[in-house]
Amino acid sequence: MSTQLDRIAIKAKQSPKIRFTSLIHIINPEFLKETWFEMNRKGSPGIDGKTMEEFGSDLDNKINDLYRRLKMKKYQAPPVRRVDIPKGNGKTRPLGIPTVEDRLLQRAVAKILNTIYE
């Protein structure tokens, strides 16, 4: 866990009523790269068709591009690929598969929120 997350965990534990208003500064290229190595590599590709291996092949450039778009407030989550998964009773249930890039960002935000609420 990064030092910044450690500090947030300590603050959250010491003051359970504290309100964290701005945490985007924690998401930087190093944090995104750390998050990347914690992700499941077996995920299906999203609507863009890029696999985990393809994204990881040029990881530094892709993370820096994602970070640049976040910082400039130009990031917009792409559409989610929809797949129907068969259930045991003959029915299906919908499943949304985000792109690898979006999954990475979602995971990074979840790490921060989990640190606060644990």
PDB file of N, CA and C in Angstrom:
ATOM      1  N   MET A   1       0.849  -1.178   0.000  1.00  0.00           N
ATOM      2  CA  MET A   1       0.000   0.000   0.000  1.00  0.00           C
ATOM      3  C   MET A   1       0.890   1.235   0.000  1.00  0.00           C
ATOM      4  N   SER A   2       0.493   2.258  -0.736  1.00  0.00           N
ATOM      5  CA  SER A   2       1.300   3.459  -0.834  1.00  0.00           C
ATOM      6  C   SER A   2       1.210   4.279   0.450  1.00  0.00           C
ATOM      7  N   THR A   3       2.188   5.158   0.619  1.00  0.00           N
ATOM      8  CA  THR A   3       2.256   6.002   1.815  1.00  0.00           C
ATOM      9  C   THR A   3       1.029   6.894   1.933  1.00  0.00           C
ATOM     10  N   GLN A   4       0.568   7.427   0.805  1.00  0.00           N
ATOM     11  CA  GLN A   4      -0.613   8.289   0.844  1.00  0.00           C
ATOM     12  C   GLN A   4      -1.841   7.524   1.322  1.00  0.00           C
ATOM     13  N   LEU A   5      -1.986   6.294   0.876  1.00  0.00           N
ATOM     14  CA  LEU A   5      -3.124   5.487   1.341  1.00  0.00           C
ATOM     15  C   LEU A   5      -3.000   5.169   2.821  1.00  0.00           C
ATOM     16  N   ASP A   6      -1.764   4.950   3.280  1.00  0.00           N
ATOM     17  CA  ASP A   6      -1.549   4.714   4.710  1.00  0.00           C
ATOM     18  C   ASP A   6      -2.009   5.921   5.528  1.00  0.00           C
ATOM     19  N   ARG A   7      -1.645   7.105   5.065  1.00  0.00           N
ATOM     20  CA  ARG A   7      -2.042   8.330   5.789  1.00  0.00           C
ATOM     21  C   ARG A   7      -3.560   8.505   5.799  1.00  0.00           C
ATOM     22  N   ILE A   8      -4.198   8.193   4.686  1.00  0.00           N
ATOM     23  CA  ILE A   8      -5.658   8.299   4.622  1.00  0.00           C
ATOM     24  C   ILE A   8      -6.303   7.283   5.561  1.00  0.00           C
ATOM     25  N   ALA A   9      -5.765   6.086   5.611  1.00  0.00           N
ATOM     26  CA  ALA A   9      -6.303   5.055   6.506  1.00  0.00           C
ATOM     27  C   ALA A   9      -6.192   5.490   7.958  1.00  0.00           C
ATOM     28  N   ILE A  10      -5.063   6.086   8.311  1.00  0.00           N
ATOM     29  CA  ILE A  10      -4.866   6.556   9.686  1.00  0.00           C
ATOM     30  C   ILE A  10      -5.850   7.669  10.015  1.00  0.00           C
ATOM     31  N   LYS A  11      -6.009   8.636   9.105  1.00  0.00           N
ATOM     32  CA  LYS A  11      -6.966   9.721   9.332  1.00  0.00           C
ATOM     33  C   LYS A  11      -8.385   9.191   9.478  1.00  0.00           C
ATOM     34  N   ALA A  12      -8.754   8.262   8.612  1.00  0.00           N
ATOM     35  CA  ALA A  12     -10.110   7.713   8.650  1.00  0.00           C
ATOM     36  C   ALA A  12     -10.362   6.948   9.940  1.00  0.00           C
ATOM     37  N   LYS A  13      -9.329   6.276  10.432  1.00  0.00           N
ATOM     38  CA  LYS A  13      -9.484   5.504  11.669  1.00  0.00           C
ATOM     39  C   LYS A  13      -9.540   6.419  12.889  1.00  0.00           C
ATOM     40  N   GLN A  14      -8.707   7.457  12.900  1.00  0.00           N
ATOM     41  CA  GLN A  14      -8.680   8.385  14.031  1.00  0.00           C
ATOM     42  C   GLN A  14      -9.933   9.237  14.106  1.00  0.00           C
ATOM     43  N   SER A  15     -10.450   9.637  12.963  1.00  0.00           N
ATOM     44  CA  SER A  15     -11.629  10.508  12.918  1.00  0.00           C
ATOM     45  C   SER A  15     -12.676   9.915  11.985  1.00  0.00           C
ATOM     46  N   PRO A  16     -13.501   9.020  12.491  1.00  0.00           N
ATOM     47  CA  PRO A  16     -14.492   8.360  11.637  1.00  0.00           C
ATOM     48  C   PRO A  16     -15.481   9.317  10.968  1.00  0.00           C
ATOM     49  N   LYS A  17     -15.673  10.506  11.515  1.00  0.00           N
ATOM     50  CA  LYS A  17     -16.635  11.466  10.949  1.00  0.00           C
ATOM     51  C   LYS A  17     -15.997  12.392   9.915  1.00  0.00           C
ATOM     52  N   ILE A  18     -14.693  12.264   9.698  1.00  0.00           N
ATOM     53  CA  ILE A  18     -14.004  13.155   8.761  1.00  0.00           C
ATOM     54  C   ILE A  18     -14.542  12.966   7.349  1.00  0.00           C
ATOM     55  N   ARG A  19     -14.616  14.079   6.589  1.00  0.00           N
ATOM     56  CA  ARG A  19     -15.089  14.024   5.210  1.00  0.00           C
ATOM     57  C   ARG A  19     -13.902  14.277   4.292  1.00  0.00           C
ATOM     58  N   PHE A  20     -13.633  13.341   3.439  1.00  0.00           N
ATOM     59  CA  PHE A  20     -12.578  13.493   2.444  1.00  0.00           C
ATOM     60  C   PHE A  20     -13.222  14.120   1.213  1.00  0.00           C
ATOM     61  N   THR A  21     -12.776  15.311   0.861  1.00  0.00           N
ATOM     62  CA  THR A  21     -13.428  16.036  -0.226  1.00  0.00           C
ATOM     63  C   THR A  21     -12.674  15.954  -1.548  1.00  0.00           C
ATOM     64  N   SER A  22     -11.375  15.769  -1.519  1.00  0.00           N
ATOM     65  CA  SER A  22     -10.613  15.713  -2.765  1.00  0.00           C
ATOM     66  C   SER A  22      -9.523  14.660  -2.646  1.00  0.00           C
ATOM     67  N   LEU A  23      -9.683  13.593  -3.389  1.00  0.00           N
ATOM     68  CA  LEU A  23      -8.715  12.498  -3.330  1.00  0.00           C
ATOM     69  C   LEU A  23      -8.103  12.191  -4.692  1.00  0.00           C
ATOM     70  N   ILE A  24      -8.423  12.983  -5.700  1.00  0.00           N
ATOM     71  CA  ILE A  24      -7.927  12.713  -7.044  1.00  0.00           C
ATOM     72  C   ILE A  24      -6.410  12.850  -7.122  1.00  0.00           C
ATOM     73  N   HIS A  25      -5.811  13.632  -6.236  1.00  0.00           N
ATOM     74  CA  HIS A  25      -4.357  13.814  -6.275  1.00  0.00           C
ATOM     75  C   HIS A  25      -3.603  12.508  -5.980  1.00  0.00           C
ATOM     76  N   ILE A  26      -4.275  11.547  -5.393  1.00  0.00           N
ATOM     77  CA  ILE A  26      -3.645  10.255  -5.095  1.00  0.00           C
ATOM     78  C   ILE A  26      -3.450   9.449  -6.379  1.00  0.00           C
ATOM     79  N   ILE A  27      -4.352   9.639  -7.323  1.00  0.00           N
ATOM     80  CA  ILE A  27      -4.248   8.893  -8.579  1.00  0.00           C
ATOM     81  C   ILE A  27      -3.211   9.575  -9.469  1.00  0.00           C
ATOM     82  N   ASN A  28      -2.051   8.969  -9.535  1.00  0.00           N
ATOM     83  CA  ASN A  28      -0.963   9.448 -10.383  1.00  0.00           C
ATOM     84  C   ASN A  28      -0.428   8.248 -11.165  1.00  0.00           C
ATOM     85  N   PRO A  29       0.505   8.453 -12.094  1.00  0.00           N
ATOM     86  CA  PRO A  29       0.985   7.314 -12.886  1.00  0.00           C
ATOM     87  C   PRO A  29       1.546   6.164 -12.042  1.00  0.00           C
ATOM     88  N   GLU A  30       2.239   6.479 -10.968  1.00  0.00           N
ATOM     89  CA  GLU A  30       2.800   5.417 -10.122  1.00  0.00           C
ATOM     90  C   GLU A  30       1.699   4.606  -9.458  1.00  0.00           C
ATOM     91  N   PHE A  31       0.666   5.296  -8.980  1.00  0.00           N
ATOM     92  CA  PHE A  31      -0.459   4.622  -8.329  1.00  0.00           C
ATOM     93  C   PHE A  31      -1.203   3.746  -9.338  1.00  0.00           C
ATOM     94  N   LEU A  32      -1.383   4.259 -10.548  1.00  0.00           N
ATOM     95  CA  LEU A  32      -2.062   3.473 -11.580  1.00  0.00           C
ATOM     96  C   LEU A  32      -1.252   2.241 -11.956  1.00  0.00           C
ATOM     97  N   LYS A  33       0.065   2.391 -12.007  1.00  0.00           N
ATOM     98  CA  LYS A  33       0.915   1.243 -12.342  1.00  0.00           C
ATOM     99  C   LYS A  33       0.868   0.207 -11.221  1.00  0.00           C
ATOM    100  N   GLU A  34       0.896   0.658  -9.975  1.00  0.00           N
ATOM    101  CA  GLU A  34       0.780  -0.248  -8.827  1.00  0.00           C
ATOM    102  C   GLU A  34      -0.549  -1.000  -8.883  1.00  0.00           C
ATOM    103  N   THR A  35      -1.611  -0.285  -9.222  1.00  0.00           N
ATOM    104  CA  THR A  35      -2.936  -0.880  -9.334  1.00  0.00           C
ATOM    105  C   THR A  35      -2.979  -1.893 -10.470  1.00  0.00           C
ATOM    106  N   TRP A  36      -2.306  -1.586 -11.568  1.00  0.00           N
ATOM    107  CA  TRP A  36      -2.274  -2.490 -12.722  1.00  0.00           C
ATOM    108  C   TRP A  36      -1.760  -3.872 -12.331  1.00  0.00           C
ATOM    109  N   PHE A  37      -0.709  -3.910 -11.523  1.00  0.00           N
ATOM    110  CA  PHE A  37      -0.110  -5.193 -11.160  1.00  0.00           C
ATOM    111  C   PHE A  37      -0.969  -5.987 -10.172  1.00  0.00           C
ATOM    112  N   GLU A  38      -2.003  -5.368  -9.622  1.00  0.00           N
ATOM    113  CA  GLU A  38      -2.921  -6.067  -8.713  1.00  0.00           C
ATOM    114  C   GLU A  38      -4.164  -6.583  -9.435  1.00  0.00           C
ATOM    115  N   MET A  39      -4.305  -6.242 -10.708  1.00  0.00           N
ATOM    116  CA  MET A  39      -5.523  -6.604 -11.446  1.00  0.00           C
ATOM    117  C   MET A  39      -5.498  -8.047 -11.935  1.00  0.00           C
ATOM    118  N   ASN A  40      -6.698  -8.590 -12.126  1.00  0.00           N
ATOM    119  CA  ASN A  40      -6.882  -9.928 -12.680  1.00  0.00           C
ATOM    120  C   ASN A  40      -6.547  -9.892 -14.180  1.00  0.00           C
ATOM    121  N   ARG A  41      -5.683 -10.760 -14.608  1.00  0.00           N
ATOM    122  CA  ARG A  41      -5.234 -10.767 -16.005  1.00  0.00           C
ATOM    123  C   ARG A  41      -6.161 -11.586 -16.924  1.00  0.00           C
ATOM    124  N   LYS A  42      -7.181 -12.211 -16.369  1.00  0.00           N
ATOM    125  CA  LYS A  42      -8.044 -13.083 -17.155  1.00  0.00           C
ATOM    126  C   LYS A  42      -9.309 -12.389 -17.649  1.00  0.00           C
ATOM    127  N   GLY A  43      -9.402 -11.088 -17.452  1.00  0.00           N
ATOM    128  CA  GLY A  43     -10.607 -10.374 -17.843  1.00  0.00           C
ATOM    129  C   GLY A  43     -10.796 -10.312 -19.347  1.00  0.00           C
ATOM    130  N   SER A  44     -12.025 -10.320 -19.768  1.00  0.00           N
ATOM    131  CA  SER A  44     -12.358 -10.228 -21.192  1.00  0.00           C
ATOM    132  C   SER A  44     -12.177  -8.796 -21.677  1.00  0.00           C
ATOM    133  N   PRO A  45     -11.941  -8.630 -22.969  1.00  0.00           N
ATOM    134  CA  PRO A  45     -11.811  -7.274 -23.508  1.00  0.00           C
ATOM    135  C   PRO A  45     -13.157  -6.557 -23.524  1.00  0.00           C
ATOM    136  N   GLY A  46     -13.094  -5.244 -23.431  1.00  0.00           N
ATOM    137  CA  GLY A  46     -14.299  -4.432 -23.473  1.00  0.00           C
ATOM    138  C   GLY A  46     -14.710  -4.132 -24.896  1.00  0.00           C
ATOM    139  N   ILE A  47     -15.442  -3.058 -25.058  1.00  0.00           N
ATOM    140  CA  ILE A  47     -15.993  -2.705 -26.357  1.00  0.00           C
ATOM    141  C   ILE A  47     -14.911  -2.342 -27.373  1.00  0.00           C
ATOM    142  N   ASP A  48     -13.738  -1.922 -26.892  1.00  0.00           N
ATOM    143  CA  ASP A  48     -12.643  -1.561 -27.803  1.00  0.00           C
ATOM    144  C   ASP A  48     -11.865  -2.783 -28.297  1.00  0.00           C
ATOM    145  N   GLY A  49     -12.103  -3.955 -27.704  1.00  0.00           N
ATOM    146  CA  GLY A  49     -11.458  -5.186 -28.139  1.00  0.00           C
ATOM    147  C   GLY A  49     -10.040  -5.383 -27.638  1.00  0.00           C
ATOM    148  N   LYS A  50      -9.519  -4.450 -26.838  1.00  0.00           N
ATOM    149  CA  LYS A  50      -8.143  -4.571 -26.339  1.00  0.00           C
ATOM    150  C   LYS A  50      -8.088  -5.504 -25.133  1.00  0.00           C
ATOM    151  N   THR A  51      -7.157  -6.437 -25.185  1.00  0.00           N
ATOM    152  CA  THR A  51      -6.995  -7.391 -24.093  1.00  0.00           C
ATOM    153  C   THR A  51      -6.051  -6.818 -23.039  1.00  0.00           C
ATOM    154  N   MET A  52      -5.951  -7.516 -21.925  1.00  0.00           N
ATOM    155  CA  MET A  52      -5.027  -7.113 -20.863  1.00  0.00           C
ATOM    156  C   MET A  52      -3.587  -7.128 -21.385  1.00  0.00           C
ATOM    157  N   GLU A  53      -3.248  -8.127 -22.194  1.00  0.00           N
ATOM    158  CA  GLU A  53      -1.888  -8.242 -22.736  1.00  0.00           C
ATOM    159  C   GLU A  53      -1.565  -7.069 -23.651  1.00  0.00           C
ATOM    160  N   GLU A  54      -2.524  -6.687 -24.493  1.00  0.00           N
ATOM    161  CA  GLU A  54      -2.312  -5.562 -25.403  1.00  0.00           C
ATOM    162  C   GLU A  54      -2.116  -4.264 -24.631  1.00  0.00           C
ATOM    163  N   PHE A  55      -2.917  -4.050 -23.605  1.00  0.00           N
ATOM    164  CA  PHE A  55      -2.780  -2.841 -22.799  1.00  0.00           C
ATOM    165  C   PHE A  55      -1.443  -2.842 -22.066  1.00  0.00           C
ATOM    166  N   GLY A  56      -1.050  -3.993 -21.550  1.00  0.00           N
ATOM    167  CA  GLY A  56       0.189  -4.101 -20.788  1.00  0.00           C
ATOM    168  C   GLY A  56       1.442  -4.025 -21.633  1.00  0.00           C
ATOM    169  N   SER A  57       1.319  -4.222 -22.953  1.00  0.00           N
ATOM    170  CA  SER A  57       2.507  -4.212 -23.807  1.00  0.00           C
ATOM    171  C   SER A  57       3.143  -2.831 -23.888  1.00  0.00           C
ATOM    172  N   ASP A  58       2.362  -1.781 -23.771  1.00  0.00           N
ATOM    173  CA  ASP A  58       2.875  -0.399 -23.785  1.00  0.00           C
ATOM    174  C   ASP A  58       2.352   0.321 -22.549  1.00  0.00           C
ATOM    175  N   LEU A  59       2.526  -0.313 -21.406  1.00  0.00           N
ATOM    176  CA  LEU A  59       1.895   0.119 -20.164  1.00  0.00           C
ATOM    177  C   LEU A  59       2.225   1.556 -19.781  1.00  0.00           C
ATOM    178  N   ASP A  60       3.493   1.919 -19.790  1.00  0.00           N
ATOM    179  CA  ASP A  60       3.873   3.265 -19.343  1.00  0.00           C
ATOM    180  C   ASP A  60       3.214   4.354 -20.186  1.00  0.00           C
ATOM    181  N   ASN A  61       3.227   4.203 -21.496  1.00  0.00           N
ATOM    182  CA  ASN A  61       2.612   5.214 -22.359  1.00  0.00           C
ATOM    183  C   ASN A  61       1.108   5.277 -22.175  1.00  0.00           C
ATOM    184  N   LYS A  62       0.473   4.116 -22.018  1.00  0.00           N
ATOM    185  CA  LYS A  62      -0.977   4.105 -21.854  1.00  0.00           C
ATOM    186  C   LYS A  62      -1.397   4.687 -20.507  1.00  0.00           C
ATOM    187  N   ILE A  63      -0.622   4.405 -19.476  1.00  0.00           N
ATOM    188  CA  ILE A  63      -0.922   4.978 -18.160  1.00  0.00           C
ATOM    189  C   ILE A  63      -0.703   6.484 -18.169  1.00  0.00           C
ATOM    190  N   ASN A  64       0.377   6.933 -18.797  1.00  0.00           N
ATOM    191  CA  ASN A  64       0.633   8.374 -18.868  1.00  0.00           C
ATOM    192  C   ASN A  64      -0.442   9.089 -19.665  1.00  0.00           C
ATOM    193  N   ASP A  65      -0.934   8.464 -20.736  1.00  0.00           N
ATOM    194  CA  ASP A  65      -2.018   9.054 -21.518  1.00  0.00           C
ATOM    195  C   ASP A  65      -3.302   9.136 -20.694  1.00  0.00           C
ATOM    196  N   LEU A  66      -3.616   8.071 -19.974  1.00  0.00           N
ATOM    197  CA  LEU A  66      -4.796   8.068 -19.108  1.00  0.00           C
ATOM    198  C   LEU A  66      -4.678   9.154 -18.044  1.00  0.00           C
ATOM    199  N   TYR A  67      -3.514   9.254 -17.423  1.00  0.00           N
ATOM    200  CA  TYR A  67      -3.298  10.255 -16.382  1.00  0.00           C
ATOM    201  C   TYR A  67      -3.435  11.677 -16.953  1.00  0.00           C
ATOM    202  N   ARG A  68      -2.883  11.904 -18.133  1.00  0.00           N
ATOM    203  CA  ARG A  68      -2.970  13.217 -18.775  1.00  0.00           C
ATOM    204  C   ARG A  68      -4.436  13.599 -19.020  1.00  0.00           C
ATOM    205  N   ARG A  69      -5.219  12.646 -19.528  1.00  0.00           N
ATOM    206  CA  ARG A  69      -6.637  12.921 -19.773  1.00  0.00           C
ATOM    207  C   ARG A  69      -7.395  13.169 -18.476  1.00  0.00           C
ATOM    208  N   LEU A  70      -7.043  12.441 -17.405  1.00  0.00           N
ATOM    209  CA  LEU A  70      -7.688  12.671 -16.108  1.00  0.00           C
ATOM    210  C   LEU A  70      -7.377  14.063 -15.597  1.00  0.00           C
ATOM    211  N   LYS A  71      -6.113  14.438 -15.689  1.00  0.00           N
ATOM    212  CA  LYS A  71      -5.666  15.732 -15.171  1.00  0.00           C
ATOM    213  C   LYS A  71      -6.308  16.887 -15.936  1.00  0.00           C
ATOM    214  N   MET A  72      -6.491  16.697 -17.242  1.00  0.00           N
ATOM    215  CA  MET A  72      -7.105  17.732 -18.075  1.00  0.00           C
ATOM    216  C   MET A  72      -8.634  17.673 -18.037  1.00  0.00           C
ATOM    217  N   LYS A  73      -9.167  16.725 -17.259  1.00  0.00           N
ATOM    218  CA  LYS A  73     -10.614  16.504 -17.150  1.00  0.00           C
ATOM    219  C   LYS A  73     -11.237  16.166 -18.500  1.00  0.00           C
ATOM    220  N   LYS A  74     -10.498  15.401 -19.300  1.00  0.00           N
ATOM    221  CA  LYS A  74     -10.963  14.984 -20.617  1.00  0.00           C
ATOM    222  C   LYS A  74     -11.321  13.506 -20.666  1.00  0.00           C
ATOM    223  N   TYR A  75     -11.140  12.787 -19.550  1.00  0.00           N
ATOM    224  CA  TYR A  75     -11.444  11.356 -19.554  1.00  0.00           C
ATOM    225  C   TYR A  75     -12.948  11.160 -19.524  1.00  0.00           C
ATOM    226  N   GLN A  76     -13.415  10.324 -20.420  1.00  0.00           N
ATOM    227  CA  GLN A  76     -14.816   9.931 -20.413  1.00  0.00           C
ATOM    228  C   GLN A  76     -14.860   8.421 -20.552  1.00  0.00           C
ATOM    229  N   ALA A  77     -15.542   7.787 -19.655  1.00  0.00           N
ATOM    230  CA  ALA A  77     -15.625   6.325 -19.686  1.00  0.00           C
ATOM    231  C   ALA A  77     -16.291   5.876 -20.976  1.00  0.00           C
ATOM    232  N   PRO A  78     -15.675   4.906 -21.663  1.00  0.00           N
ATOM    233  CA  PRO A  78     -16.293   4.398 -22.897  1.00  0.00           C
ATOM    234  C   PRO A  78     -17.502   3.526 -22.578  1.00  0.00           C
ATOM    235  N   PRO A  79     -18.318   3.241 -23.580  1.00  0.00           N
ATOM    236  CA  PRO A  79     -19.471   2.362 -23.348  1.00  0.00           C
ATOM    237  C   PRO A  79     -19.014   0.985 -22.856  1.00  0.00           C
ATOM    238  N   VAL A  80     -19.893   0.329 -22.168  1.00  0.00           N
ATOM    239  CA  VAL A  80     -19.612  -0.996 -21.617  1.00  0.00           C
ATOM    240  C   VAL A  80     -20.159  -2.049 -22.579  1.00  0.00           C
ATOM    241  N   ARG A  81     -19.353  -3.071 -22.815  1.00  0.00           N
ATOM    242  CA  ARG A  81     -19.810  -4.174 -23.679  1.00  0.00           C
ATOM    243  C   ARG A  81     -20.803  -5.029 -22.892  1.00  0.00           C
ATOM    244  N   ARG A  82     -21.949  -5.305 -23.493  1.00  0.00           N
ATOM    245  CA  ARG A  82     -22.989  -6.098 -22.838  1.00  0.00           C
ATOM    246  C   ARG A  82     -22.991  -7.520 -23.373  1.00  0.00           C
ATOM    247  N   VAL A  83     -23.042  -8.458 -22.451  1.00  0.00           N
ATOM    248  CA  VAL A  83     -23.076  -9.880 -22.798  1.00  0.00           C
ATOM    249  C   VAL A  83     -24.154 -10.526 -21.933  1.00  0.00           C
ATOM    250  N   ASP A  84     -24.923 -11.446 -22.525  1.00  0.00           N
ATOM    251  CA  ASP A  84     -25.921 -12.186 -21.758  1.00  0.00           C
ATOM    252  C   ASP A  84     -25.314 -13.509 -21.320  1.00  0.00           C
ATOM    253  N   ILE A  85     -25.331 -13.759 -20.017  1.00  0.00           N
ATOM    254  CA  ILE A  85     -24.779 -14.973 -19.423  1.00  0.00           C
ATOM    255  C   ILE A  85     -25.942 -15.923 -19.130  1.00  0.00           C
ATOM    256  N   PRO A  86     -25.886 -17.156 -19.623  1.00  0.00           N
ATOM    257  CA  PRO A  86     -26.982 -18.100 -19.347  1.00  0.00           C
ATOM    258  C   PRO A  86     -27.008 -18.509 -17.872  1.00  0.00           C
ATOM    259  N   LYS A  87     -28.215 -18.597 -17.346  1.00  0.00           N
ATOM    260  CA  LYS A  87     -28.406 -19.068 -15.979  1.00  0.00           C
ATOM    261  C   LYS A  87     -28.892 -20.515 -16.042  1.00  0.00           C
ATOM    262  N   GLY A  88     -28.942 -21.169 -14.907  1.00  0.00           N
ATOM    263  CA  GLY A  88     -29.336 -22.575 -14.842  1.00  0.00           C
ATOM    264  C   GLY A  88     -30.777 -22.848 -15.229  1.00  0.00           C
ATOM    265  N   ASN A  89     -31.643 -21.863 -15.077  1.00  0.00           N
ATOM    266  CA  ASN A  89     -33.067 -22.093 -15.331  1.00  0.00           C
ATOM    267  C   ASN A  89     -33.479 -21.734 -16.768  1.00  0.00           C
ATOM    268  N   GLY A  90     -32.542 -21.597 -17.672  1.00  0.00           N
ATOM    269  CA  GLY A  90     -32.855 -21.291 -19.062  1.00  0.00           C
ATOM    270  C   GLY A  90     -32.912 -19.809 -19.370  1.00  0.00           C
ATOM    271  N   LYS A  91     -32.884 -18.981 -18.356  1.00  0.00           N
ATOM    272  CA  LYS A  91     -32.893 -17.541 -18.569  1.00  0.00           C
ATOM    273  C   LYS A  91     -31.456 -17.036 -18.688  1.00  0.00           C
ATOM    274  N   THR A  92     -31.318 -15.772 -18.969  1.00  0.00           N
ATOM    275  CA  THR A  92     -29.989 -15.164 -19.034  1.00  0.00           C
ATOM    276  C   THR A  92     -29.951 -13.940 -18.135  1.00  0.00           C
ATOM    277  N   ARG A  93     -28.725 -13.542 -17.796  1.00  0.00           N
ATOM    278  CA  ARG A  93     -28.559 -12.308 -17.033  1.00  0.00           C
ATOM    279  C   ARG A  93     -27.539 -11.445 -17.755  1.00  0.00           C
ATOM    280  N   PRO A  94     -27.756 -10.140 -17.778  1.00  0.00           N
ATOM    281  CA  PRO A  94     -26.818  -9.260 -18.478  1.00  0.00           C
ATOM    282  C   PRO A  94     -25.535  -9.063 -17.668  1.00  0.00           C
ATOM    283  N   LEU A  95     -24.441  -8.925 -18.388  1.00  0.00           N
ATOM    284  CA  LEU A  95     -23.152  -8.671 -17.767  1.00  0.00           C
ATOM    285  C   LEU A  95     -22.487  -7.541 -18.535  1.00  0.00           C
ATOM    286  N   GLY A  96     -21.994  -6.534 -17.820  1.00  0.00           N
ATOM    287  CA  GLY A  96     -21.301  -5.414 -18.447  1.00  0.00           C
ATOM    288  C   GLY A  96     -19.796  -5.603 -18.333  1.00  0.00           C
ATOM    289  N   ILE A  97     -19.072  -5.465 -19.433  1.00  0.00           N
ATOM    290  CA  ILE A  97     -17.621  -5.630 -19.441  1.00  0.00           C
ATOM    291  C   ILE A  97     -16.990  -4.306 -19.856  1.00  0.00           C
ATOM    292  N   PRO A  98     -16.371  -3.584 -18.903  1.00  0.00           N
ATOM    293  CA  PRO A  98     -15.721  -2.321 -19.256  1.00  0.00           C
ATOM    294  C   PRO A  98     -14.397  -2.563 -19.976  1.00  0.00           C
ATOM    295  N   THR A  99     -13.872  -1.522 -20.601  1.00  0.00           N
ATOM    296  CA  THR A  99     -12.569  -1.633 -21.248  1.00  0.00           C
ATOM    297  C   THR A  99     -11.494  -1.818 -20.184  1.00  0.00           C
ATOM    298  N   VAL A 100     -10.336  -2.275 -20.593  1.00  0.00           N
ATOM    299  CA  VAL A 100      -9.235  -2.516 -19.655  1.00  0.00           C
ATOM    300  C   VAL A 100      -8.832  -1.207 -18.980  1.00  0.00           C
ATOM    301  N   GLU A 101      -8.764  -0.139 -19.757  1.00  0.00           N
ATOM    302  CA  GLU A 101      -8.396   1.164 -19.218  1.00  0.00           C
ATOM    303  C   GLU A 101      -9.389   1.626 -18.150  1.00  0.00           C
ATOM    304  N   ASP A 102     -10.669   1.472 -18.435  1.00  0.00           N
ATOM    305  CA  ASP A 102     -11.699   1.872 -17.489  1.00  0.00           C
ATOM    306  C   ASP A 102     -11.664   0.986 -16.249  1.00  0.00           C
ATOM    307  N   ARG A 103     -11.404  -0.295 -16.446  1.00  0.00           N
ATOM    308  CA  ARG A 103     -11.276  -1.216 -15.311  1.00  0.00           C
ATOM    309  C   ARG A 103     -10.135  -0.799 -14.393  1.00  0.00           C
ATOM    310  N   LEU A 104      -9.019  -0.373 -15.000  1.00  0.00           N
ATOM    311  CA  LEU A 104      -7.865   0.087 -14.221  1.00  0.00           C
ATOM    312  C   LEU A 104      -8.238   1.294 -13.379  1.00  0.00           C
ATOM    313  N   LEU A 105      -8.906   2.249 -13.977  1.00  0.00           N
ATOM    314  CA  LEU A 105      -9.294   3.451 -13.242  1.00  0.00           C
ATOM    315  C   LEU A 105     -10.319   3.136 -12.155  1.00  0.00           C
ATOM    316  N   GLN A 106     -11.274   2.280 -12.448  1.00  0.00           N
ATOM    317  CA  GLN A 106     -12.260   1.875 -11.446  1.00  0.00           C
ATOM    318  C   GLN A 106     -11.576   1.203 -10.262  1.00  0.00           C
ATOM    319  N   ARG A 107     -10.608   0.364 -10.555  1.00  0.00           N
ATOM    320  CA  ARG A 107      -9.874  -0.350  -9.501  1.00  0.00           C
ATOM    321  C   ARG A 107      -9.084   0.623  -8.624  1.00  0.00           C
ATOM    322  N   ALA A 108      -8.489   1.647  -9.247  1.00  0.00           N
ATOM    323  CA  ALA A 108      -7.720   2.645  -8.499  1.00  0.00           C
ATOM    324  C   ALA A 108      -8.634   3.421  -7.544  1.00  0.00           C
ATOM    325  N   VAL A 109      -9.780   3.830  -8.041  1.00  0.00           N
ATOM    326  CA  VAL A 109     -10.732   4.558  -7.192  1.00  0.00           C
ATOM    327  C   VAL A 109     -11.238   3.645  -6.076  1.00  0.00           C
ATOM    328  N   ALA A 110     -11.499   2.394  -6.389  1.00  0.00           N
ATOM    329  CA  ALA A 110     -11.973   1.439  -5.375  1.00  0.00           C
ATOM    330  C   ALA A 110     -10.925   1.239  -4.282  1.00  0.00           C
ATOM    331  N   LYS A 111      -9.646   1.230  -4.659  1.00  0.00           N
ATOM    332  CA  LYS A 111      -8.581   1.089  -3.654  1.00  0.00           C
ATOM    333  C   LYS A 111      -8.623   2.240  -2.654  1.00  0.00           C
ATOM    334  N   ILE A 112      -8.824   3.435  -3.159  1.00  0.00           N
ATOM    335  CA  ILE A 112      -8.882   4.605  -2.279  1.00  0.00           C
ATOM    336  C   ILE A 112     -10.088   4.515  -1.367  1.00  0.00           C
ATOM    337  N   LEU A 113     -11.253   4.205  -1.923  1.00  0.00           N
ATOM    338  CA  LEU A 113     -12.472   4.119  -1.120  1.00  0.00           C
ATOM    339  C   LEU A 113     -12.413   2.991  -0.105  1.00  0.00           C
ATOM    340  N   ASN A 114     -11.838   1.850  -0.486  1.00  0.00           N
ATOM    341  CA  ASN A 114     -11.686   0.745   0.460  1.00  0.00           C
ATOM    342  C   ASN A 114     -10.795   1.133   1.625  1.00  0.00           C
ATOM    343  N   THR A 115      -9.764   1.896   1.349  1.00  0.00           N
ATOM    344  CA  THR A 115      -8.871   2.358   2.416  1.00  0.00           C
ATOM    345  C   THR A 115      -9.628   3.207   3.426  1.00  0.00           C
ATOM    346  N   ILE A 116     -10.507   4.050   2.946  1.00  0.00           N
ATOM    347  CA  ILE A 116     -11.272   4.928   3.843  1.00  0.00           C
ATOM    348  C   ILE A 116     -12.266   4.130   4.667  1.00  0.00           C
ATOM    349  N   TYR A 117     -12.969   3.205   4.044  1.00  0.00           N
ATOM    350  CA  TYR A 117     -14.080   2.534   4.722  1.00  0.00           C
ATOM    351  C   TYR A 117     -13.709   1.250   5.449  1.00  0.00           C
ATOM    352  N   GLU A 118     -12.453   0.816   5.367  1.00  0.00           N
ATOM    353  CA  GLU A 118     -12.073  -0.400   6.092  1.00  0.00           C
ATOM    354  C   GLU A 118     -11.773  -0.130   7.509  1.00  0.00           C
TER     355      GLU A 118
END
